Amino acid sequence: MAERVNFIVKAERVRAKDIRKALEEAGIEVRSVIEVFRDEEREEEEAPPNGG
């Protein structure tokens, strides 16, 4: 029986299908890729001012 393992992957500027493709190309059988959190990047001008 094959061992089932779960991993958490933190990546920048990538889509779930790209993660699946990379893993499968490395010979890793992927059952599912689930996105649980997306932290949208803020633009420099939207960041709060320093000090004040």
Protein backbone atom coordinates (compact mmCIF):
# COMPACT_ATOMS: atom_id res chain seq x y z
CA MET A 1 0.00 0.00 0.00
CA ALA A 2 1.32 3.43 -0.92
CA GLU A 3 2.02 5.92 1.83
CA ARG A 4 -0.07 9.08 1.72
CA VAL A 5 1.66 12.31 2.69
CA ASN A 6 0.38 15.89 2.92
CA PHE A 7 2.61 18.91 2.35
CA ILE A 8 2.20 22.64 2.77
CA VAL A 9 3.78 24.65 -0.03
CA LYS A 10 4.32 28.38 0.21
CA ALA A 11 4.99 29.93 -3.18
CA GLU A 12 5.03 33.31 -4.85
CA ARG A 13 3.43 34.12 -8.17
CA VAL A 14 2.28 30.59 -9.03
CA ARG A 15 -1.01 28.88 -9.81
CA ALA A 16 -2.19 25.57 -8.39
CA LYS A 17 -2.05 23.90 -11.80
CA ASP A 18 1.63 24.91 -12.11
CA ILE A 19 2.43 23.27 -8.76
CA ARG A 20 0.62 20.09 -9.83
CA LYS A 21 2.45 20.03 -13.17
CA ALA A 22 5.88 20.49 -11.54
CA LEU A 23 5.24 17.71 -9.01
CA GLU A 24 3.97 15.30 -11.64
CA GLU A 25 6.98 16.04 -13.88
CA ALA A 26 9.16 15.10 -10.89
CA GLY A 27 7.40 11.73 -10.73
CA ILE A 28 5.18 12.56 -7.75
CA GLU A 29 1.59 11.34 -7.98
CA VAL A 30 -0.68 14.24 -6.97
CA ARG A 31 -4.15 13.51 -5.60
CA SER A 32 -5.16 17.17 -5.12
CA VAL A 33 -3.86 20.70 -4.78
CA ILE A 34 -5.88 22.89 -2.43
CA GLU A 35 -5.32 26.61 -2.04
CA VAL A 36 -6.09 27.57 1.55
CA PHE A 37 -4.75 31.11 1.77
CA ARG A 38 -3.81 33.84 -0.66
CA ASP A 39 -2.09 36.98 0.61
CA GLU A 40 -2.49 39.61 -2.07
CA GLU A 41 0.56 41.82 -2.48
CA ARG A 42 -0.02 45.49 -1.83
CA GLU A 43 1.46 48.22 -3.98
CA GLU A 44 4.18 50.42 -2.44
CA GLU A 45 1.89 53.46 -2.41
CA GLU A 46 -0.82 51.52 -0.55
CA ALA A 47 1.50 50.59 2.34
CA PRO A 48 0.97 52.60 5.56
CA PRO A 49 3.46 55.46 6.06
CA ASN A 50 6.43 54.84 8.35
CA GLY A 51 6.41 56.66 11.67
CA GLY A 52 4.08 59.42 12.33
